[in-house]
N, C-alpha and C. Protein backbone atom coordinates (compact mmCIF):
# COMPACT_ATOMS: atom_id res chain seq x y z
N MET A 1 14.71 2.07 -0.76
CA MET A 1 14.01 2.94 -1.70
C MET A 1 13.63 4.22 -0.95
N LYS A 2 13.90 5.32 -1.55
CA LYS A 2 13.64 6.61 -0.93
C LYS A 2 12.15 6.98 -0.99
N LEU A 3 11.72 7.70 0.05
CA LEU A 3 10.34 8.15 0.13
C LEU A 3 9.97 9.01 -1.09
N ASN A 4 10.87 9.88 -1.51
CA ASN A 4 10.56 10.74 -2.67
C ASN A 4 10.30 9.91 -3.92
N TYR A 5 11.05 8.83 -4.10
CA TYR A 5 10.83 7.95 -5.25
C TYR A 5 9.44 7.31 -5.17
N ILE A 6 9.09 6.82 -3.99
CA ILE A 6 7.77 6.20 -3.80
C ILE A 6 6.67 7.21 -4.09
N ARG A 7 6.80 8.41 -3.53
CA ARG A 7 5.79 9.45 -3.72
C ARG A 7 5.68 9.85 -5.20
N GLU A 8 6.80 10.01 -5.87
CA GLU A 8 6.79 10.41 -7.28
C GLU A 8 6.20 9.31 -8.15
N THR A 9 6.52 8.07 -7.86
CA THR A 9 5.97 6.95 -8.60
C THR A 9 4.45 6.92 -8.47
N LEU A 10 3.96 7.08 -7.24
CA LEU A 10 2.51 7.09 -7.02
C LEU A 10 1.85 8.31 -7.66
N ARG A 11 2.53 9.44 -7.61
CA ARG A 11 1.99 10.65 -8.24
C ARG A 11 1.78 10.41 -9.73
N ARG A 12 2.77 9.80 -10.38
CA ARG A 12 2.66 9.52 -11.81
C ARG A 12 1.53 8.53 -12.10
N VAL A 13 1.41 7.50 -11.28
CA VAL A 13 0.36 6.50 -11.49
C VAL A 13 -1.02 7.12 -11.31
N THR A 14 -1.22 7.86 -10.22
CA THR A 14 -2.54 8.46 -9.96
C THR A 14 -2.88 9.53 -11.00
N TYR A 15 -1.87 10.24 -11.48
CA TYR A 15 -2.10 11.25 -12.52
C TYR A 15 -2.47 10.56 -13.84
N CYS A 16 -1.72 9.55 -14.18
CA CYS A 16 -1.94 8.84 -15.45
C CYS A 16 -3.33 8.21 -15.52
N TYR A 17 -3.78 7.65 -14.42
CA TYR A 17 -5.07 6.95 -14.41
C TYR A 17 -6.18 7.76 -13.75
N ASP A 18 -5.87 8.98 -13.36
CA ASP A 18 -6.84 9.92 -12.81
C ASP A 18 -7.67 9.31 -11.67
N SER A 19 -6.97 8.63 -10.76
CA SER A 19 -7.64 8.01 -9.63
C SER A 19 -6.63 7.73 -8.53
N SER A 20 -7.11 7.71 -7.29
CA SER A 20 -6.28 7.24 -6.18
C SER A 20 -6.97 6.06 -5.49
N ASP A 21 -8.01 5.54 -6.11
CA ASP A 21 -8.70 4.37 -5.58
C ASP A 21 -7.91 3.11 -5.97
N PRO A 22 -7.47 2.33 -4.98
CA PRO A 22 -6.63 1.17 -5.29
C PRO A 22 -7.24 0.19 -6.29
N GLU A 23 -8.51 -0.15 -6.13
CA GLU A 23 -9.12 -1.11 -7.06
C GLU A 23 -9.26 -0.54 -8.47
N GLU A 24 -9.61 0.74 -8.57
CA GLU A 24 -9.69 1.37 -9.89
C GLU A 24 -8.32 1.35 -10.56
N LEU A 25 -7.26 1.64 -9.81
CA LEU A 25 -5.91 1.63 -10.37
C LEU A 25 -5.50 0.22 -10.80
N ILE A 26 -5.81 -0.75 -9.97
CA ILE A 26 -5.48 -2.14 -10.30
C ILE A 26 -6.13 -2.52 -11.63
N ASN A 27 -7.41 -2.21 -11.79
CA ASN A 27 -8.12 -2.52 -13.03
C ASN A 27 -7.57 -1.73 -14.21
N ALA A 28 -7.35 -0.43 -14.01
CA ALA A 28 -6.86 0.42 -15.10
C ALA A 28 -5.47 0.00 -15.57
N MET A 29 -4.66 -0.50 -14.66
CA MET A 29 -3.30 -0.91 -15.00
C MET A 29 -3.24 -2.32 -15.58
N GLY A 30 -4.39 -2.96 -15.67
CA GLY A 30 -4.43 -4.30 -16.27
C GLY A 30 -3.91 -5.39 -15.35
N ILE A 31 -3.89 -5.12 -14.06
CA ILE A 31 -3.47 -6.14 -13.09
C ILE A 31 -4.68 -7.01 -12.77
N LYS A 32 -4.50 -8.31 -12.83
CA LYS A 32 -5.59 -9.24 -12.52
C LYS A 32 -5.83 -9.23 -11.02
N LEU A 33 -7.09 -9.10 -10.61
CA LEU A 33 -7.47 -9.13 -9.20
C LEU A 33 -8.37 -10.32 -8.97
N ASN A 34 -7.90 -11.27 -8.18
CA ASN A 34 -8.65 -12.50 -7.90
C ASN A 34 -8.61 -12.79 -6.41
N TYR A 35 -9.28 -13.86 -6.02
CA TYR A 35 -9.37 -14.23 -4.62
C TYR A 35 -8.47 -15.41 -4.28
N LEU A 36 -7.97 -15.38 -3.06
CA LEU A 36 -7.27 -16.53 -2.51
C LEU A 36 -8.29 -17.64 -2.26
N PRO A 37 -7.86 -18.87 -2.14
CA PRO A 37 -8.80 -19.95 -1.81
C PRO A 37 -9.49 -19.69 -0.47
N ASN A 38 -10.74 -20.10 -0.34
CA ASN A 38 -11.53 -19.87 0.89
C ASN A 38 -10.87 -20.44 2.14
N TYR A 39 -10.11 -21.50 2.00
CA TYR A 39 -9.50 -22.14 3.17
C TYR A 39 -8.25 -21.41 3.67
N THR A 40 -7.83 -20.35 2.98
CA THR A 40 -6.66 -19.59 3.40
C THR A 40 -6.92 -18.94 4.76
N ASP A 41 -5.97 -19.06 5.67
CA ASP A 41 -6.10 -18.47 7.00
C ASP A 41 -5.93 -16.95 6.87
N ILE A 42 -6.99 -16.20 7.13
CA ILE A 42 -6.97 -14.75 6.97
C ILE A 42 -6.00 -14.09 7.95
N ASN A 43 -5.68 -14.77 9.05
CA ASN A 43 -4.73 -14.22 10.01
C ASN A 43 -3.29 -14.36 9.54
N LYS A 44 -3.07 -15.21 8.56
CA LYS A 44 -1.72 -15.42 8.03
C LYS A 44 -1.51 -14.77 6.67
N LEU A 45 -2.56 -14.68 5.87
CA LEU A 45 -2.42 -14.14 4.52
C LEU A 45 -3.70 -13.42 4.09
N LYS A 46 -3.61 -12.10 3.98
CA LYS A 46 -4.77 -11.32 3.53
C LYS A 46 -4.70 -11.02 2.05
N GLY A 47 -3.49 -11.06 1.50
CA GLY A 47 -3.32 -10.79 0.09
C GLY A 47 -1.89 -11.04 -0.33
N CYS A 48 -1.68 -11.13 -1.63
CA CYS A 48 -0.32 -11.27 -2.16
C CYS A 48 -0.30 -10.79 -3.61
N TYR A 49 0.90 -10.44 -4.04
CA TYR A 49 1.13 -9.99 -5.41
C TYR A 49 2.18 -10.89 -6.03
N GLY A 50 2.04 -11.16 -7.30
CA GLY A 50 3.07 -11.91 -8.02
C GLY A 50 2.82 -11.87 -9.52
N MET A 51 3.76 -12.44 -10.22
CA MET A 51 3.65 -12.57 -11.67
C MET A 51 3.33 -14.03 -11.97
N ILE A 52 2.28 -14.25 -12.74
CA ILE A 52 1.91 -15.60 -13.15
C ILE A 52 1.85 -15.61 -14.68
N LYS A 53 2.72 -16.39 -15.27
CA LYS A 53 2.82 -16.48 -16.73
C LYS A 53 2.94 -15.09 -17.37
N GLY A 54 3.76 -14.25 -16.76
CA GLY A 54 4.02 -12.92 -17.31
C GLY A 54 2.96 -11.88 -17.00
N GLU A 55 1.90 -12.25 -16.28
CA GLU A 55 0.84 -11.29 -15.94
C GLU A 55 0.92 -10.93 -14.46
N LYS A 56 0.71 -9.65 -14.18
CA LYS A 56 0.66 -9.19 -12.80
C LYS A 56 -0.67 -9.62 -12.20
N VAL A 57 -0.58 -10.22 -11.00
CA VAL A 57 -1.78 -10.75 -10.34
C VAL A 57 -1.75 -10.36 -8.86
N ILE A 58 -2.89 -9.89 -8.38
CA ILE A 58 -3.08 -9.65 -6.95
C ILE A 58 -4.19 -10.58 -6.49
N LEU A 59 -3.88 -11.32 -5.43
CA LEU A 59 -4.87 -12.22 -4.82
C LEU A 59 -5.20 -11.68 -3.44
N ILE A 60 -6.50 -11.57 -3.15
CA ILE A 60 -6.92 -11.08 -1.84
C ILE A 60 -7.85 -12.10 -1.18
N HIS A 61 -7.92 -12.03 0.13
CA HIS A 61 -8.76 -12.97 0.87
C HIS A 61 -10.23 -12.63 0.61
N PRO A 62 -11.07 -13.65 0.35
CA PRO A 62 -12.49 -13.39 0.03
C PRO A 62 -13.32 -12.88 1.21
N ASP A 63 -12.83 -13.03 2.43
CA ASP A 63 -13.61 -12.63 3.60
C ASP A 63 -13.30 -11.22 4.10
N LEU A 64 -12.50 -10.47 3.38
CA LEU A 64 -12.17 -9.11 3.80
C LEU A 64 -13.40 -8.20 3.68
N ASP A 65 -13.58 -7.32 4.67
CA ASP A 65 -14.64 -6.32 4.55
C ASP A 65 -14.15 -5.20 3.62
N ASP A 66 -14.97 -4.21 3.36
CA ASP A 66 -14.61 -3.15 2.40
C ASP A 66 -13.33 -2.42 2.81
N MET A 67 -13.20 -2.10 4.10
CA MET A 67 -12.01 -1.40 4.58
C MET A 67 -10.77 -2.28 4.43
N GLY A 68 -10.90 -3.54 4.79
CA GLY A 68 -9.78 -4.47 4.66
C GLY A 68 -9.38 -4.69 3.21
N ARG A 69 -10.37 -4.77 2.36
CA ARG A 69 -10.12 -4.96 0.92
C ARG A 69 -9.36 -3.75 0.35
N ARG A 70 -9.78 -2.55 0.74
CA ARG A 70 -9.11 -1.32 0.28
C ARG A 70 -7.67 -1.28 0.77
N GLU A 71 -7.47 -1.63 2.04
CA GLU A 71 -6.14 -1.64 2.64
C GLU A 71 -5.22 -2.63 1.93
N VAL A 72 -5.70 -3.85 1.74
CA VAL A 72 -4.90 -4.89 1.12
C VAL A 72 -4.63 -4.56 -0.36
N CYS A 73 -5.62 -4.07 -1.06
CA CYS A 73 -5.41 -3.69 -2.46
C CYS A 73 -4.37 -2.59 -2.58
N ALA A 74 -4.41 -1.60 -1.69
CA ALA A 74 -3.42 -0.51 -1.72
C ALA A 74 -2.02 -1.05 -1.46
N HIS A 75 -1.90 -1.93 -0.48
CA HIS A 75 -0.61 -2.52 -0.14
C HIS A 75 -0.06 -3.35 -1.31
N GLU A 76 -0.89 -4.23 -1.85
CA GLU A 76 -0.44 -5.10 -2.94
C GLU A 76 -0.17 -4.29 -4.21
N LEU A 77 -0.93 -3.24 -4.44
CA LEU A 77 -0.64 -2.34 -5.56
C LEU A 77 0.74 -1.73 -5.39
N GLY A 78 1.10 -1.41 -4.16
CA GLY A 78 2.46 -0.91 -3.89
C GLY A 78 3.51 -1.89 -4.36
N HIS A 79 3.31 -3.17 -4.08
CA HIS A 79 4.25 -4.18 -4.58
C HIS A 79 4.27 -4.19 -6.10
N ALA A 80 3.10 -4.13 -6.72
CA ALA A 80 3.01 -4.19 -8.18
C ALA A 80 3.73 -3.02 -8.84
N VAL A 81 3.65 -1.85 -8.22
CA VAL A 81 4.26 -0.64 -8.80
C VAL A 81 5.74 -0.54 -8.45
N LEU A 82 6.09 -0.85 -7.22
CA LEU A 82 7.47 -0.67 -6.75
C LEU A 82 8.35 -1.90 -6.97
N HIS A 83 7.77 -3.08 -6.92
CA HIS A 83 8.53 -4.34 -7.03
C HIS A 83 7.86 -5.25 -8.06
N PRO A 84 7.70 -4.79 -9.29
CA PRO A 84 6.86 -5.53 -10.24
C PRO A 84 7.32 -6.95 -10.55
N THR A 85 8.61 -7.23 -10.47
CA THR A 85 9.07 -8.58 -10.82
C THR A 85 9.45 -9.41 -9.59
N THR A 86 9.22 -8.88 -8.41
CA THR A 86 9.58 -9.60 -7.18
C THR A 86 8.38 -10.41 -6.70
N ASN A 87 8.58 -11.68 -6.51
CA ASN A 87 7.53 -12.56 -6.01
C ASN A 87 7.81 -12.80 -4.53
N ALA A 88 7.24 -11.93 -3.68
CA ALA A 88 7.50 -11.98 -2.24
C ALA A 88 7.02 -13.29 -1.62
N LEU A 89 5.90 -13.82 -2.09
CA LEU A 89 5.39 -15.07 -1.54
C LEU A 89 6.38 -16.21 -1.79
N PHE A 90 6.96 -16.25 -2.97
CA PHE A 90 7.98 -17.26 -3.28
C PHE A 90 9.20 -17.05 -2.38
N LEU A 91 9.65 -15.80 -2.25
CA LEU A 91 10.82 -15.53 -1.43
C LEU A 91 10.61 -15.94 0.02
N ALA A 92 9.43 -15.64 0.55
CA ALA A 92 9.12 -15.98 1.94
C ALA A 92 9.02 -17.49 2.14
N THR A 93 8.52 -18.18 1.15
CA THR A 93 8.28 -19.62 1.28
C THR A 93 9.54 -20.45 1.04
N TYR A 94 10.34 -20.07 0.04
CA TYR A 94 11.42 -20.94 -0.40
C TYR A 94 12.83 -20.40 -0.19
N THR A 95 12.98 -19.22 0.37
CA THR A 95 14.32 -18.67 0.59
C THR A 95 14.42 -18.10 2.00
N TYR A 96 15.60 -17.63 2.33
CA TYR A 96 15.82 -16.97 3.63
C TYR A 96 15.79 -15.46 3.49
N PHE A 97 15.31 -14.99 2.36
CA PHE A 97 15.24 -13.54 2.10
C PHE A 97 14.29 -12.89 3.11
N ARG A 98 14.76 -11.80 3.71
CA ARG A 98 13.92 -11.06 4.65
C ARG A 98 13.08 -10.04 3.88
N LEU A 99 11.79 -10.09 4.10
CA LEU A 99 10.87 -9.25 3.33
C LEU A 99 10.60 -7.89 3.97
N GLY A 100 11.21 -7.61 5.10
CA GLY A 100 10.91 -6.40 5.85
C GLY A 100 10.91 -5.13 5.02
N THR A 101 11.96 -4.91 4.27
CA THR A 101 12.09 -3.68 3.47
C THR A 101 10.99 -3.59 2.42
N LEU A 102 10.73 -4.69 1.72
CA LEU A 102 9.69 -4.69 0.69
C LEU A 102 8.32 -4.39 1.31
N GLU A 103 8.06 -4.96 2.49
CA GLU A 103 6.77 -4.74 3.15
C GLU A 103 6.62 -3.30 3.64
N ILE A 104 7.69 -2.74 4.16
CA ILE A 104 7.65 -1.33 4.60
C ILE A 104 7.41 -0.42 3.41
N GLU A 105 8.07 -0.71 2.29
CA GLU A 105 7.86 0.11 1.10
C GLU A 105 6.43 -0.01 0.58
N ALA A 106 5.87 -1.22 0.61
CA ALA A 106 4.48 -1.40 0.17
C ALA A 106 3.52 -0.69 1.12
N ASP A 107 3.78 -0.76 2.43
CA ASP A 107 2.95 -0.03 3.40
C ASP A 107 3.08 1.47 3.21
N THR A 108 4.30 1.93 2.95
CA THR A 108 4.53 3.37 2.71
C THR A 108 3.76 3.83 1.49
N SER A 109 3.80 3.05 0.41
CA SER A 109 3.07 3.44 -0.80
C SER A 109 1.57 3.44 -0.52
N ALA A 110 1.08 2.47 0.25
CA ALA A 110 -0.35 2.42 0.59
C ALA A 110 -0.73 3.64 1.42
N SER A 111 0.11 4.01 2.39
CA SER A 111 -0.21 5.18 3.23
C SER A 111 -0.21 6.45 2.39
N GLU A 112 0.69 6.56 1.45
CA GLU A 112 0.75 7.75 0.59
C GLU A 112 -0.44 7.78 -0.37
N LEU A 113 -0.87 6.61 -0.83
CA LEU A 113 -2.00 6.54 -1.75
C LEU A 113 -3.32 6.87 -1.05
N LEU A 114 -3.50 6.34 0.14
CA LEU A 114 -4.78 6.46 0.84
C LEU A 114 -4.92 7.73 1.68
N LEU A 115 -3.79 8.38 2.00
CA LEU A 115 -3.83 9.56 2.86
C LEU A 115 -3.06 10.71 2.18
N SER A 116 -3.77 11.76 1.83
CA SER A 116 -3.13 12.91 1.18
C SER A 116 -2.39 13.76 2.21
N ASP A 117 -1.53 14.63 1.74
CA ASP A 117 -0.84 15.56 2.64
C ASP A 117 -1.82 16.47 3.37
N GLU A 118 -2.94 16.77 2.73
CA GLU A 118 -3.94 17.63 3.36
C GLU A 118 -4.48 17.01 4.66
N ILE A 119 -4.51 15.68 4.71
CA ILE A 119 -4.96 14.97 5.91
C ILE A 119 -4.07 15.34 7.10
N CYS A 120 -2.78 15.48 6.84
CA CYS A 120 -1.83 15.80 7.91
C CYS A 120 -2.14 17.17 8.52
N TYR A 121 -2.51 18.11 7.68
CA TYR A 121 -2.88 19.44 8.19
C TYR A 121 -4.25 19.41 8.85
N LYS A 122 -5.17 18.69 8.25
CA LYS A 122 -6.56 18.64 8.74
C LYS A 122 -6.64 18.11 10.17
N TYR A 123 -5.78 17.14 10.49
CA TYR A 123 -5.89 16.47 11.78
C TYR A 123 -4.76 16.82 12.76
N ILE A 124 -4.19 18.00 12.64
CA ILE A 124 -3.13 18.41 13.57
C ILE A 124 -3.66 18.28 15.01
N GLY A 125 -2.88 17.61 15.84
CA GLY A 125 -3.25 17.45 17.25
C GLY A 125 -4.14 16.27 17.55
N LYS A 126 -4.61 15.58 16.54
CA LYS A 126 -5.50 14.42 16.76
C LYS A 126 -4.65 13.16 17.00
N GLU A 127 -5.23 12.21 17.70
CA GLU A 127 -4.59 10.92 17.94
C GLU A 127 -4.63 10.09 16.65
N TYR A 128 -3.60 9.29 16.45
CA TYR A 128 -3.54 8.45 15.25
C TYR A 128 -4.72 7.49 15.17
N ASN A 129 -5.14 6.95 16.29
CA ASN A 129 -6.29 6.05 16.29
C ASN A 129 -7.54 6.75 15.77
N GLU A 130 -7.73 7.99 16.17
CA GLU A 130 -8.90 8.75 15.74
C GLU A 130 -8.84 9.03 14.23
N ILE A 131 -7.66 9.41 13.76
CA ILE A 131 -7.49 9.67 12.32
C ILE A 131 -7.76 8.40 11.52
N ALA A 132 -7.22 7.28 12.00
CA ALA A 132 -7.43 6.00 11.31
C ALA A 132 -8.91 5.67 11.24
N TYR A 133 -9.62 5.89 12.33
CA TYR A 133 -11.06 5.62 12.36
C TYR A 133 -11.80 6.53 11.37
N LEU A 134 -11.48 7.81 11.39
CA LEU A 134 -12.18 8.77 10.52
C LEU A 134 -11.87 8.54 9.04
N GLU A 135 -10.65 8.16 8.73
CA GLU A 135 -10.24 7.97 7.34
C GLU A 135 -10.38 6.52 6.86
N LYS A 136 -10.78 5.64 7.79
CA LYS A 136 -11.00 4.23 7.47
C LYS A 136 -9.75 3.55 6.90
N VAL A 137 -8.64 3.77 7.60
CA VAL A 137 -7.36 3.14 7.24
C VAL A 137 -6.74 2.56 8.51
N PRO A 138 -5.80 1.64 8.36
CA PRO A 138 -5.12 1.10 9.55
C PRO A 138 -4.27 2.17 10.25
N VAL A 139 -4.13 2.03 11.54
CA VAL A 139 -3.33 2.98 12.33
C VAL A 139 -1.89 3.02 11.81
N ARG A 140 -1.35 1.87 11.40
CA ARG A 140 0.05 1.86 10.92
C ARG A 140 0.22 2.75 9.68
N TYR A 141 -0.81 2.86 8.85
CA TYR A 141 -0.72 3.74 7.69
C TYR A 141 -0.71 5.21 8.12
N VAL A 142 -1.50 5.54 9.13
CA VAL A 142 -1.51 6.91 9.66
C VAL A 142 -0.15 7.23 10.26
N GLU A 143 0.41 6.31 11.04
CA GLU A 143 1.72 6.51 11.64
C GLU A 143 2.79 6.74 10.57
N LEU A 144 2.79 5.89 9.55
CA LEU A 144 3.76 6.03 8.46
C LEU A 144 3.61 7.39 7.76
N LYS A 145 2.38 7.72 7.40
CA LYS A 145 2.12 8.98 6.69
C LYS A 145 2.55 10.17 7.52
N MET A 146 2.14 10.20 8.78
CA MET A 146 2.46 11.35 9.64
C MET A 146 3.96 11.45 9.90
N ASN A 147 4.61 10.33 10.16
CA ASN A 147 6.06 10.37 10.40
C ASN A 147 6.82 10.80 9.16
N ASN A 148 6.44 10.29 8.01
CA ASN A 148 7.10 10.69 6.76
C ASN A 148 6.81 12.15 6.43
N PHE A 149 5.59 12.59 6.70
CA PHE A 149 5.22 13.98 6.46
C PHE A 149 6.06 14.90 7.35
N LYS A 150 6.20 14.55 8.62
CA LYS A 150 7.00 15.36 9.54
C LYS A 150 8.46 15.44 9.09
N LYS A 151 9.02 14.32 8.64
CA LYS A 151 10.41 14.31 8.15
C LYS A 151 10.55 15.25 6.94
N ARG A 152 9.61 15.12 6.00
CA ARG A 152 9.67 15.93 4.78
C ARG A 152 9.53 17.41 5.10
N THR A 153 8.57 17.77 5.92
CA THR A 153 8.30 19.18 6.20
C THR A 153 9.33 19.79 7.13
N SER A 154 9.95 18.99 7.99
CA SER A 154 10.98 19.55 8.87
C SER A 154 12.22 19.92 8.07
N LYS A 155 12.50 19.19 6.99
CA LYS A 155 13.64 19.52 6.11
C LYS A 155 13.38 20.85 5.42
N VAL A 156 12.14 21.08 5.01
CA VAL A 156 11.77 22.31 4.33
C VAL A 156 11.88 23.48 5.31
N MET A 157 11.43 23.29 6.55
CA MET A 157 11.43 24.34 7.55
C MET A 157 12.84 24.77 7.94
N LYS A 158 13.83 23.87 7.83
CA LYS A 158 15.20 24.19 8.22
C LYS A 158 15.89 25.10 7.21
N CYS A 159 15.38 25.17 6.00
CA CYS A 159 16.01 25.98 4.95
C CYS A 159 15.89 27.47 5.23
């Protein structure tokens, strides 16, 4: 899936619902947000997305702090928007399907949702760890956003 498609899809969603907050979007889109069972190992599963009886459902770990909850909601929302009929948990459990591409796309959508292009200009020269701390997002989201931003803007600069 191309970055431009991911960005345009998110642009339409955030415009339509007038928000870039993952939980607000989940609620506005009618996606059910519930918790995983308490005994779920948080180191193995922080959240998942799937369809249950025709309804979109996101399950998140009940022990996540606010930052973790925002991160996981943004990631799972990416699955809901980009892969609405794909049940990654089923694929990982019962098939040999490799989820790498789907997970990268969900992380990319989360990084685009949580970090605007203005952030890239605002923090020129800053370390990714520092940006992640200031913006309260995982470092991998900052890396994805910055790398994708550089690719996009370098194409423009070559023209």
